[in-house]
Amino acid sequence: MAGEQLPVTESADGLCFAVKVMPKASRQSLGQVREGRLVVYLNAPPVEGAANAALVKFLAKTLGIAPSNISILSGHKNRSKIIKVHGLPLEQARVRLTAPQGG
């Protein structure tokens, strides 16, 4: 896949990366990295935390980890968010976040 590589910050307590959420999409999927953010398309509307909950659930499924291992650090009421992931090595996260998605 041509394009930017997702910047991921690794620390002792997990990985952090930026996403840009596109709510009310026709299907949930990962998009390309744009301006240092992974574009994530979600079915959920941006109302009363629905898109945030859908984002955590979708990323957990994509990464193969429990939703409790994913936190939204900032951007709770914004499309641009910083995500923290616990319990997943950097290399695995990169592979899973850039793998082609079946539909």
PDB file of N, CA and C in Angstrom:
ATOM      1  N   MET A   1       0.843  -1.187   0.000  1.00  0.00           N
ATOM      2  CA  MET A   1       0.000   0.000   0.000  1.00  0.00           C
ATOM      3  C   MET A   1       0.878   1.236   0.000  1.00  0.00           C
ATOM      4  N   ALA A   2       0.695   2.082  -0.954  1.00  0.00           N
ATOM      5  CA  ALA A   2       1.448   3.324  -1.007  1.00  0.00           C
ATOM      6  C   ALA A   2       0.819   4.328  -0.057  1.00  0.00           C
ATOM      7  N   GLY A   3       1.621   5.260   0.423  1.00  0.00           N
ATOM      8  CA  GLY A   3       1.092   6.282   1.298  1.00  0.00           C
ATOM      9  C   GLY A   3       1.904   6.400   2.567  1.00  0.00           C
ATOM     10  N   GLU A   4       1.405   7.213   3.459  1.00  0.00           N
ATOM     11  CA  GLU A   4       2.084   7.453   4.721  1.00  0.00           C
ATOM     12  C   GLU A   4       2.047   6.232   5.620  1.00  0.00           C
ATOM     13  N   GLN A   5       3.050   6.137   6.480  1.00  0.00           N
ATOM     14  CA  GLN A   5       3.017   5.132   7.532  1.00  0.00           C
ATOM     15  C   GLN A   5       2.441   5.801   8.778  1.00  0.00           C
ATOM     16  N   LEU A   6       1.626   5.067   9.508  1.00  0.00           N
ATOM     17  CA  LEU A   6       0.993   5.603  10.709  1.00  0.00           C
ATOM     18  C   LEU A   6       2.037   5.843  11.789  1.00  0.00           C
ATOM     19  N   PRO A   7       2.186   7.081  12.266  1.00  0.00           N
ATOM     20  CA  PRO A   7       3.092   7.332  13.383  1.00  0.00           C
ATOM     21  C   PRO A   7       2.511   6.720  14.668  1.00  0.00           C
ATOM     22  N   VAL A   8       3.283   5.867  15.306  1.00  0.00           N
ATOM     23  CA  VAL A   8       2.861   5.216  16.549  1.00  0.00           C
ATOM     24  C   VAL A   8       3.928   5.485  17.599  1.00  0.00           C
ATOM     25  N   THR A   9       3.506   5.981  18.759  1.00  0.00           N
ATOM     26  CA  THR A   9       4.413   6.229  19.868  1.00  0.00           C
ATOM     27  C   THR A   9       4.336   5.047  20.810  1.00  0.00           C
ATOM     28  N   GLU A  10       5.490   4.486  21.143  1.00  0.00           N
ATOM     29  CA  GLU A  10       5.538   3.324  22.028  1.00  0.00           C
ATOM     30  C   GLU A  10       6.090   3.754  23.380  1.00  0.00           C
ATOM     31  N   SER A  11       5.427   3.308  24.462  1.00  0.00           N
ATOM     32  CA  SER A  11       5.919   3.573  25.808  1.00  0.00           C
ATOM     33  C   SER A  11       5.767   2.299  26.629  1.00  0.00           C
ATOM     34  N   ALA A  12       6.213   2.343  27.865  1.00  0.00           N
ATOM     35  CA  ALA A  12       6.147   1.162  28.734  1.00  0.00           C
ATOM     36  C   ALA A  12       4.717   0.692  28.963  1.00  0.00           C
ATOM     37  N   ASP A  13       3.755   1.615  28.918  1.00  0.00           N
ATOM     38  CA  ASP A  13       2.368   1.229  29.207  1.00  0.00           C
ATOM     39  C   ASP A  13       1.476   1.140  27.972  1.00  0.00           C
ATOM     40  N   GLY A  14       2.062   1.130  26.775  1.00  0.00           N
ATOM     41  CA  GLY A  14       1.228   0.929  25.592  1.00  0.00           C
ATOM     42  C   GLY A  14       1.674   1.709  24.382  1.00  0.00           C
ATOM     43  N   LEU A  15       0.802   1.717  23.380  1.00  0.00           N
ATOM     44  CA  LEU A  15       1.038   2.396  22.109  1.00  0.00           C
ATOM     45  C   LEU A  15       0.019   3.520  21.945  1.00  0.00           C
ATOM     46  N   CYS A  16       0.430   4.611  21.344  1.00  0.00           N
ATOM     47  CA  CYS A  16      -0.497   5.709  21.051  1.00  0.00           C
ATOM     48  C   CYS A  16      -0.413   6.057  19.572  1.00  0.00           C
ATOM     49  N   PHE A  17      -1.568   6.338  18.998  1.00  0.00           N
ATOM     50  CA  PHE A  17      -1.630   6.784  17.615  1.00  0.00           C
ATOM     51  C   PHE A  17      -2.865   7.645  17.434  1.00  0.00           C
ATOM     52  N   ALA A  18      -2.868   8.408  16.355  1.00  0.00           N
ATOM     53  CA  ALA A  18      -3.962   9.331  16.073  1.00  0.00           C
ATOM     54  C   ALA A  18      -4.894   8.733  15.022  1.00  0.00           C
ATOM     55  N   VAL A  19      -6.181   8.997  15.196  1.00  0.00           N
ATOM     56  CA  VAL A  19      -7.183   8.576  14.215  1.00  0.00           C
ATOM     57  C   VAL A  19      -8.062   9.763  13.853  1.00  0.00           C
ATOM     58  N   LYS A  20      -8.662   9.680  12.692  1.00  0.00           N
ATOM     59  CA  LYS A  20      -9.709  10.625  12.296  1.00  0.00           C
ATOM     60  C   LYS A  20     -10.934   9.787  11.989  1.00  0.00           C
ATOM     61  N   VAL A  21     -11.985   9.987  12.757  1.00  0.00           N
ATOM     62  CA  VAL A  21     -13.207   9.201  12.630  1.00  0.00           C
ATOM     63  C   VAL A  21     -14.131   9.838  11.607  1.00  0.00           C
ATOM     64  N   MET A  22     -14.670   8.994  10.740  1.00  0.00           N
ATOM     65  CA  MET A  22     -15.658   9.423   9.752  1.00  0.00           C
ATOM     66  C   MET A  22     -16.955   8.692  10.109  1.00  0.00           C
ATOM     67  N   PRO A  23     -17.824   9.326  10.913  1.00  0.00           N
ATOM     68  CA  PRO A  23     -19.053   8.659  11.355  1.00  0.00           C
ATOM     69  C   PRO A  23     -20.097   8.567  10.242  1.00  0.00           C
ATOM     70  N   LYS A  24     -21.122   7.770  10.480  1.00  0.00           N
ATOM     71  CA  LYS A  24     -22.249   7.570   9.568  1.00  0.00           C
ATOM     72  C   LYS A  24     -21.807   7.074   8.193  1.00  0.00           C
ATOM     73  N   ALA A  25     -20.771   6.232   8.160  1.00  0.00           N
ATOM     74  CA  ALA A  25     -20.306   5.640   6.902  1.00  0.00           C
ATOM     75  C   ALA A  25     -21.203   4.456   6.553  1.00  0.00           C
ATOM     76  N   SER A  26     -21.168   4.035   5.296  1.00  0.00           N
ATOM     77  CA  SER A  26     -22.001   2.909   4.880  1.00  0.00           C
ATOM     78  C   SER A  26     -21.505   1.590   5.471  1.00  0.00           C
ATOM     79  N   ARG A  27     -20.189   1.508   5.753  1.00  0.00           N
ATOM     80  CA  ARG A  27     -19.663   0.317   6.410  1.00  0.00           C
ATOM     81  C   ARG A  27     -18.450   0.710   7.244  1.00  0.00           C
ATOM     82  N   GLN A  28     -18.139  -0.120   8.219  1.00  0.00           N
ATOM     83  CA  GLN A  28     -16.999   0.150   9.088  1.00  0.00           C
ATOM     84  C   GLN A  28     -15.738  -0.403   8.443  1.00  0.00           C
ATOM     85  N   SER A  29     -14.710   0.444   8.364  1.00  0.00           N
ATOM     86  CA  SER A  29     -13.449   0.008   7.773  1.00  0.00           C
ATOM     87  C   SER A  29     -12.338   0.984   8.128  1.00  0.00           C
ATOM     88  N   LEU A  30     -11.112   0.510   7.887  1.00  0.00           N
ATOM     89  CA  LEU A  30      -9.947   1.367   8.034  1.00  0.00           C
ATOM     90  C   LEU A  30      -9.672   2.024   6.696  1.00  0.00           C
ATOM     91  N   GLY A  31      -9.297   3.273   6.742  1.00  0.00           N
ATOM     92  CA  GLY A  31      -8.899   3.977   5.534  1.00  0.00           C
ATOM     93  C   GLY A  31      -7.393   4.154   5.508  1.00  0.00           C
ATOM     94  N   GLN A  32      -6.939   5.101   4.734  1.00  0.00           N
ATOM     95  CA  GLN A  32      -5.513   5.384   4.622  1.00  0.00           C
ATOM     96  C   GLN A  32      -5.076   6.306   5.749  1.00  0.00           C
ATOM     97  N   VAL A  33      -3.772   6.436   5.883  1.00  0.00           N
ATOM     98  CA  VAL A  33      -3.200   7.402   6.817  1.00  0.00           C
ATOM     99  C   VAL A  33      -3.132   8.729   6.082  1.00  0.00           C
ATOM    100  N   ARG A  34      -3.722   9.749   6.691  1.00  0.00           N
ATOM    101  CA  ARG A  34      -3.710  11.097   6.122  1.00  0.00           C
ATOM    102  C   ARG A  34      -3.279  12.071   7.204  1.00  0.00           C
ATOM    103  N   GLU A  35      -2.286  12.871   6.879  1.00  0.00           N
ATOM    104  CA  GLU A  35      -1.785  13.882   7.813  1.00  0.00           C
ATOM    105  C   GLU A  35      -1.453  13.268   9.164  1.00  0.00           C
ATOM    106  N   GLY A  36      -0.872  12.069   9.161  1.00  0.00           N
ATOM    107  CA  GLY A  36      -0.449  11.425  10.395  1.00  0.00           C
ATOM    108  C   GLY A  36      -1.548  10.758  11.197  1.00  0.00           C
ATOM    109  N   ARG A  37      -2.757  10.676  10.626  1.00  0.00           N
ATOM    110  CA  ARG A  37      -3.888  10.058  11.331  1.00  0.00           C
ATOM    111  C   ARG A  37      -4.455   8.918  10.495  1.00  0.00           C
ATOM    112  N   LEU A  38      -4.802   7.827  11.164  1.00  0.00           N
ATOM    113  CA  LEU A  38      -5.470   6.716  10.500  1.00  0.00           C
ATOM    114  C   LEU A  38      -6.946   7.057  10.361  1.00  0.00           C
ATOM    115  N   VAL A  39      -7.461   7.037   9.153  1.00  0.00           N
ATOM    116  CA  VAL A  39      -8.876   7.318   8.925  1.00  0.00           C
ATOM    117  C   VAL A  39      -9.667   6.051   9.231  1.00  0.00           C
ATOM    118  N   VAL A  40     -10.705   6.189  10.082  1.00  0.00           N
ATOM    119  CA  VAL A  40     -11.545   5.060  10.469  1.00  0.00           C
ATOM    120  C   VAL A  40     -12.990   5.417  10.135  1.00  0.00           C
ATOM    121  N   TYR A  41     -13.604   4.601   9.280  1.00  0.00           N
ATOM    122  CA  TYR A  41     -15.000   4.805   8.887  1.00  0.00           C
ATOM    123  C   TYR A  41     -15.888   3.967   9.806  1.00  0.00           C
ATOM    124  N   LEU A  42     -16.893   4.611  10.405  1.00  0.00           N
ATOM    125  CA  LEU A  42     -17.797   3.946  11.343  1.00  0.00           C
ATOM    126  C   LEU A  42     -19.250   4.156  10.935  1.00  0.00           C
ATOM    127  N   ASN A  43     -20.095   3.153  11.191  1.00  0.00           N
ATOM    128  CA  ASN A  43     -21.532   3.272  10.928  1.00  0.00           C
ATOM    129  C   ASN A  43     -22.216   4.217  11.918  1.00  0.00           C
ATOM    130  N   ALA A  44     -21.705   4.284  13.115  1.00  0.00           N
ATOM    131  CA  ALA A  44     -22.375   4.997  14.212  1.00  0.00           C
ATOM    132  C   ALA A  44     -22.407   6.505  13.969  1.00  0.00           C
ATOM    133  N   PRO A  45     -23.474   7.148  14.439  1.00  0.00           N
ATOM    134  CA  PRO A  45     -23.545   8.606  14.351  1.00  0.00           C
ATOM    135  C   PRO A  45     -22.717   9.240  15.475  1.00  0.00           C
ATOM    136  N   PRO A  46     -22.297  10.483  15.287  1.00  0.00           N
ATOM    137  CA  PRO A  46     -21.506  11.153  16.320  1.00  0.00           C
ATOM    138  C   PRO A  46     -22.391  11.763  17.415  1.00  0.00           C
ATOM    139  N   VAL A  47     -23.210  10.928  18.045  1.00  0.00           N
ATOM    140  CA  VAL A  47     -24.160  11.422  19.037  1.00  0.00           C
ATOM    141  C   VAL A  47     -24.011  10.642  20.336  1.00  0.00           C
ATOM    142  N   GLU A  48     -23.961  11.365  21.443  1.00  0.00           N
ATOM    143  CA  GLU A  48     -23.968  10.766  22.780  1.00  0.00           C
ATOM    144  C   GLU A  48     -22.965   9.628  22.947  1.00  0.00           C
ATOM    145  N   GLY A  49     -21.781   9.779  22.374  1.00  0.00           N
ATOM    146  CA  GLY A  49     -20.721   8.795  22.550  1.00  0.00           C
ATOM    147  C   GLY A  49     -20.848   7.541  21.707  1.00  0.00           C
ATOM    148  N   ALA A  50     -21.836   7.483  20.826  1.00  0.00           N
ATOM    149  CA  ALA A  50     -22.044   6.279  20.006  1.00  0.00           C
ATOM    150  C   ALA A  50     -20.839   6.005  19.111  1.00  0.00           C
ATOM    151  N   ALA A  51     -20.296   7.036  18.482  1.00  0.00           N
ATOM    152  CA  ALA A  51     -19.142   6.837  17.599  1.00  0.00           C
ATOM    153  C   ALA A  51     -17.908   6.440  18.399  1.00  0.00           C
ATOM    154  N   ASN A  52     -17.726   6.995  19.590  1.00  0.00           N
ATOM    155  CA  ASN A  52     -16.589   6.615  20.428  1.00  0.00           C
ATOM    156  C   ASN A  52     -16.675   5.149  20.826  1.00  0.00           C
ATOM    157  N   ALA A  53     -17.847   4.701  21.233  1.00  0.00           N
ATOM    158  CA  ALA A  53     -18.034   3.293  21.610  1.00  0.00           C
ATOM    159  C   ALA A  53     -17.805   2.383  20.408  1.00  0.00           C
ATOM    160  N   ALA A  54     -18.313   2.782  19.252  1.00  0.00           N
ATOM    161  CA  ALA A  54     -18.126   1.993  18.032  1.00  0.00           C
ATOM    162  C   ALA A  54     -16.647   1.947  17.640  1.00  0.00           C
ATOM    163  N   LEU A  55     -15.946   3.052  17.825  1.00  0.00           N
ATOM    164  CA  LEU A  55     -14.520   3.106  17.513  1.00  0.00           C
ATOM    165  C   LEU A  55     -13.734   2.123  18.371  1.00  0.00           C
ATOM    166  N   VAL A  56     -13.973   2.132  19.664  1.00  0.00           N
ATOM    167  CA  VAL A  56     -13.265   1.226  20.574  1.00  0.00           C
ATOM    168  C   VAL A  56     -13.560  -0.229  20.210  1.00  0.00           C
ATOM    169  N   LYS A  57     -14.822  -0.538  19.972  1.00  0.00           N
ATOM    170  CA  LYS A  57     -15.213  -1.906  19.612  1.00  0.00           C
ATOM    171  C   LYS A  57     -14.578  -2.331  18.286  1.00  0.00           C
ATOM    172  N   PHE A  58     -14.606  -1.455  17.283  1.00  0.00           N
ATOM    173  CA  PHE A  58     -14.045  -1.767  15.967  1.00  0.00           C
ATOM    174  C   PHE A  58     -12.527  -1.954  16.049  1.00  0.00           C
ATOM    175  N   LEU A  59     -11.828  -1.054  16.752  1.00  0.00           N
ATOM    176  CA  LEU A  59     -10.379  -1.189  16.875  1.00  0.00           C
ATOM    177  C   LEU A  59     -10.008  -2.452  17.642  1.00  0.00           C
ATOM    178  N   ALA A  60     -10.776  -2.790  18.676  1.00  0.00           N
ATOM    179  CA  ALA A  60     -10.505  -4.007  19.438  1.00  0.00           C
ATOM    180  C   ALA A  60     -10.615  -5.232  18.535  1.00  0.00           C
ATOM    181  N   LYS A  61     -11.661  -5.280  17.730  1.00  0.00           N
ATOM    182  CA  LYS A  61     -11.844  -6.404  16.809  1.00  0.00           C
ATOM    183  C   LYS A  61     -10.717  -6.442  15.773  1.00  0.00           C
ATOM    184  N   THR A  62     -10.370  -5.294  15.215  1.00  0.00           N
ATOM    185  CA  THR A  62      -9.318  -5.203  14.208  1.00  0.00           C
ATOM    186  C   THR A  62      -7.967  -5.633  14.771  1.00  0.00           C
ATOM    187  N   LEU A  63      -7.684  -5.222  15.999  1.00  0.00           N
ATOM    188  CA  LEU A  63      -6.392  -5.517  16.617  1.00  0.00           C
ATOM    189  C   LEU A  63      -6.361  -6.872  17.319  1.00  0.00           C
ATOM    190  N   GLY A  64      -7.529  -7.488  17.507  1.00  0.00           N
ATOM    191  CA  GLY A  64      -7.586  -8.780  18.163  1.00  0.00           C
ATOM    192  C   GLY A  64      -7.324  -8.725  19.651  1.00  0.00           C
ATOM    193  N   ILE A  65      -7.781  -7.640  20.284  1.00  0.00           N
ATOM    194  CA  ILE A  65      -7.607  -7.479  21.733  1.00  0.00           C
ATOM    195  C   ILE A  65      -8.954  -7.091  22.356  1.00  0.00           C
ATOM    196  N   ALA A  66      -9.010  -7.126  23.670  1.00  0.00           N
ATOM    197  CA  ALA A  66     -10.236  -6.763  24.382  1.00  0.00           C
ATOM    198  C   ALA A  66     -10.466  -5.251  24.310  1.00  0.00           C
ATOM    199  N   PRO A  67     -11.732  -4.834  24.212  1.00  0.00           N
ATOM    200  CA  PRO A  67     -12.025  -3.396  24.207  1.00  0.00           C
ATOM    201  C   PRO A  67     -11.484  -2.664  25.438  1.00  0.00           C
ATOM    202  N   SER A  68     -11.352  -3.371  26.548  1.00  0.00           N
ATOM    203  CA  SER A  68     -10.832  -2.748  27.771  1.00  0.00           C
ATOM    204  C   SER A  68      -9.363  -2.354  27.632  1.00  0.00           C
ATOM    205  N   ASN A  69      -8.681  -2.846  26.593  1.00  0.00           N
ATOM    206  CA  ASN A  69      -7.280  -2.495  26.352  1.00  0.00           C
ATOM    207  C   ASN A  69      -7.122  -1.293  25.438  1.00  0.00           C
ATOM    208  N   ILE A  70      -8.226  -0.649  25.105  1.00  0.00           N
ATOM    209  CA  ILE A  70      -8.192   0.528  24.229  1.00  0.00           C
ATOM    210  C   ILE A  70      -8.820   1.709  24.954  1.00  0.00           C
ATOM    211  N   SER A  71      -8.123   2.846  24.918  1.00  0.00           N
ATOM    212  CA  SER A  71      -8.625   4.071  25.547  1.00  0.00           C
ATOM    213  C   SER A  71      -8.561   5.213  24.547  1.00  0.00           C
ATOM    214  N   ILE A  72      -9.518   6.112  24.653  1.00  0.00           N
ATOM    215  CA  ILE A  72      -9.459   7.363  23.904  1.00  0.00           C
ATOM    216  C   ILE A  72      -8.861   8.387  24.851  1.00  0.00           C
ATOM    217  N   LEU A  73      -7.634   8.840  24.556  1.00  0.00           N
ATOM    218  CA  LEU A  73      -6.958   9.785  25.449  1.00  0.00           C
ATOM    219  C   LEU A  73      -7.449  11.209  25.256  1.00  0.00           C
ATOM    220  N   SER A  74      -7.716  11.574  24.001  1.00  0.00           N
ATOM    221  CA  SER A  74      -8.206  12.932  23.741  1.00  0.00           C
ATOM    222  C   SER A  74      -9.076  12.917  22.496  1.00  0.00           C
ATOM    223  N   GLY A  75      -9.926  13.926  22.400  1.00  0.00           N
ATOM    224  CA  GLY A  75     -10.798  14.054  21.245  1.00  0.00           C
ATOM    225  C   GLY A  75     -12.150  13.392  21.412  1.00  0.00           C
ATOM    226  N   HIS A  76     -12.626  13.283  22.638  1.00  0.00           N
ATOM    227  CA  HIS A  76     -13.906  12.613  22.893  1.00  0.00           C
ATOM    228  C   HIS A  76     -15.073  13.247  22.142  1.00  0.00           C
ATOM    229  N   LYS A  77     -14.989  14.550  21.873  1.00  0.00           N
ATOM    230  CA  LYS A  77     -16.073  15.232  21.158  1.00  0.00           C
ATOM    231  C   LYS A  77     -15.577  15.819  19.849  1.00  0.00           C
ATOM    232  N   ASN A  78     -14.594  15.151  19.258  1.00  0.00           N
ATOM    233  CA  ASN A  78     -13.979  15.632  18.034  1.00  0.00           C
ATOM    234  C   ASN A  78     -13.731  14.437  17.122  1.00  0.00           C
ATOM    235  N   ARG A  79     -13.635  14.652  15.835  1.00  0.00           N
ATOM    236  CA  ARG A  79     -13.340  13.545  14.918  1.00  0.00           C
ATOM    237  C   ARG A  79     -11.887  13.101  15.022  1.00  0.00           C
ATOM    238  N   SER A  80     -10.995  14.011  15.385  1.00  0.00           N
ATOM    239  CA  SER A  80      -9.586  13.672  15.565  1.00  0.00           C
ATOM    240  C   SER A  80      -9.374  13.228  17.007  1.00  0.00           C
ATOM    241  N   LYS A  81      -8.805  12.038  17.170  1.00  0.00           N
ATOM    242  CA  LYS A  81      -8.651  11.448  18.495  1.00  0.00           C
ATOM    243  C   LYS A  81      -7.263  10.847  18.653  1.00  0.00           C
ATOM    244  N   ILE A  82      -6.806  10.750  19.891  1.00  0.00           N
ATOM    245  CA  ILE A  82      -5.586  10.030  20.218  1.00  0.00           C
ATOM    246  C   ILE A  82      -6.012   8.755  20.937  1.00  0.00           C
ATOM    247  N   ILE A  83      -5.533   7.630  20.427  1.00  0.00           N
ATOM    248  CA  ILE A  83      -5.901   6.313  20.944  1.00  0.00           C
ATOM    249  C   ILE A  83      -4.712   5.706  21.671  1.00  0.00           C
ATOM    250  N   LYS A  84      -4.976   5.055  22.798  1.00  0.00           N
ATOM    251  CA  LYS A  84      -3.946   4.311  23.525  1.00  0.00           C
ATOM    252  C   LYS A  84      -4.346   2.846  23.530  1.00  0.00           C
ATOM    253  N   VAL A  85      -3.387   1.966  23.202  1.00  0.00           N
ATOM    254  CA  VAL A  85      -3.613   0.529  23.152  1.00  0.00           C
ATOM    255  C   VAL A  85      -2.654  -0.150  24.115  1.00  0.00           C
ATOM    256  N   HIS A  86      -3.186  -1.017  24.968  1.00  0.00           N
ATOM    257  CA  HIS A  86      -2.377  -1.781  25.919  1.00  0.00           C
ATOM    258  C   HIS A  86      -2.317  -3.233  25.473  1.00  0.00           C
ATOM    259  N   GLY A  87      -1.183  -3.869  25.720  1.00  0.00           N
ATOM    260  CA  GLY A  87      -1.091  -5.309  25.522  1.00  0.00           C
ATOM    261  C   GLY A  87      -0.906  -5.790  24.100  1.00  0.00           C
ATOM    262  N   LEU A  88      -0.328  -4.950  23.242  1.00  0.00           N
ATOM    263  CA  LEU A  88      -0.097  -5.361  21.861  1.00  0.00           C
ATOM    264  C   LEU A  88       1.256  -4.815  21.407  1.00  0.00           C
ATOM    265  N   PRO A  89       2.145  -5.680  20.932  1.00  0.00           N
ATOM    266  CA  PRO A  89       3.439  -5.198  20.442  1.00  0.00           C
ATOM    267  C   PRO A  89       3.279  -4.285  19.229  1.00  0.00           C
ATOM    268  N   LEU A  90       4.196  -3.361  19.092  1.00  0.00           N
ATOM    269  CA  LEU A  90       4.160  -2.373  18.011  1.00  0.00           C
ATOM    270  C   LEU A  90       4.054  -3.028  16.637  1.00  0.00           C
ATOM    271  N   GLU A  91       4.867  -4.053  16.379  1.00  0.00           N
ATOM    272  CA  GLU A  91       4.878  -4.685  15.062  1.00  0.00           C
ATOM    273  C   GLU A  91       3.512  -5.295  14.735  1.00  0.00           C
ATOM    274  N   GLN A  92       2.897  -5.958  15.695  1.00  0.00           N
ATOM    275  CA  GLN A  92       1.573  -6.548  15.467  1.00  0.00           C
ATOM    276  C   GLN A  92       0.531  -5.468  15.207  1.00  0.00           C
ATOM    277  N   ALA A  93       0.597  -4.378  15.951  1.00  0.00           N
ATOM    278  CA  ALA A  93      -0.353  -3.283  15.754  1.00  0.00           C
ATOM    279  C   ALA A  93      -0.231  -2.723  14.339  1.00  0.00           C
ATOM    280  N   ARG A  94       0.980  -2.488  13.890  1.00  0.00           N
ATOM    281  CA  ARG A  94       1.190  -1.950  12.538  1.00  0.00           C
ATOM    282  C   ARG A  94       0.617  -2.884  11.470  1.00  0.00           C
ATOM    283  N   VAL A  95       0.891  -4.182  11.601  1.00  0.00           N
ATOM    284  CA  VAL A  95       0.396  -5.151  10.621  1.00  0.00           C
ATOM    285  C   VAL A  95      -1.131  -5.163  10.607  1.00  0.00           C
ATOM    286  N   ARG A  96      -1.741  -5.214  11.776  1.00  0.00           N
ATOM    287  CA  ARG A  96      -3.199  -5.317  11.859  1.00  0.00           C
ATOM    288  C   ARG A  96      -3.911  -4.037  11.423  1.00  0.00           C
ATOM    289  N   LEU A  97      -3.264  -2.896  11.626  1.00  0.00           N
ATOM    290  CA  LEU A  97      -3.889  -1.629  11.236  1.00  0.00           C
ATOM    291  C   LEU A  97      -3.705  -1.306   9.750  1.00  0.00           C
ATOM    292  N   THR A  98      -2.829  -2.056   9.080  1.00  0.00           N
ATOM    293  CA  THR A  98      -2.617  -1.797   7.651  1.00  0.00           C
ATOM    294  C   THR A  98      -3.023  -2.969   6.784  1.00  0.00           C
ATOM    295  N   ALA A  99      -3.519  -4.059   7.389  1.00  0.00           N
ATOM    296  CA  ALA A  99      -3.933  -5.237   6.612  1.00  0.00           C
ATOM    297  C   ALA A  99      -5.180  -4.910   5.797  1.00  0.00           C
ATOM    298  N   PRO A 100      -5.260  -5.447   4.580  1.00  0.00           N
ATOM    299  CA  PRO A 100      -6.471  -5.254   3.788  1.00  0.00           C
ATOM    300  C   PRO A 100      -7.677  -5.854   4.507  1.00  0.00           C
ATOM    301  N   GLN A 101      -8.809  -5.202   4.399  1.00  0.00           N
ATOM    302  CA  GLN A 101     -10.011  -5.666   5.089  1.00  0.00           C
ATOM    303  C   GLN A 101     -10.951  -6.307   4.106  1.00  0.00           C
ATOM    304  N   GLY A 102     -11.412  -7.479   4.489  1.00  0.00           N
ATOM    305  CA  GLY A 102     -12.422  -8.157   3.665  1.00  0.00           C
ATOM    306  C   GLY A 102     -13.782  -7.559   3.913  1.00  0.00           C
ATOM    307  N   GLY A 103     -14.673  -7.733   2.991  1.00  0.00           N
ATOM    308  CA  GLY A 103     -15.979  -7.151   3.207  1.00  0.00           C
ATOM    309  C   GLY A 103     -16.993  -7.938   2.621  1.00  0.00           C
TER     310      GLY A 103
END
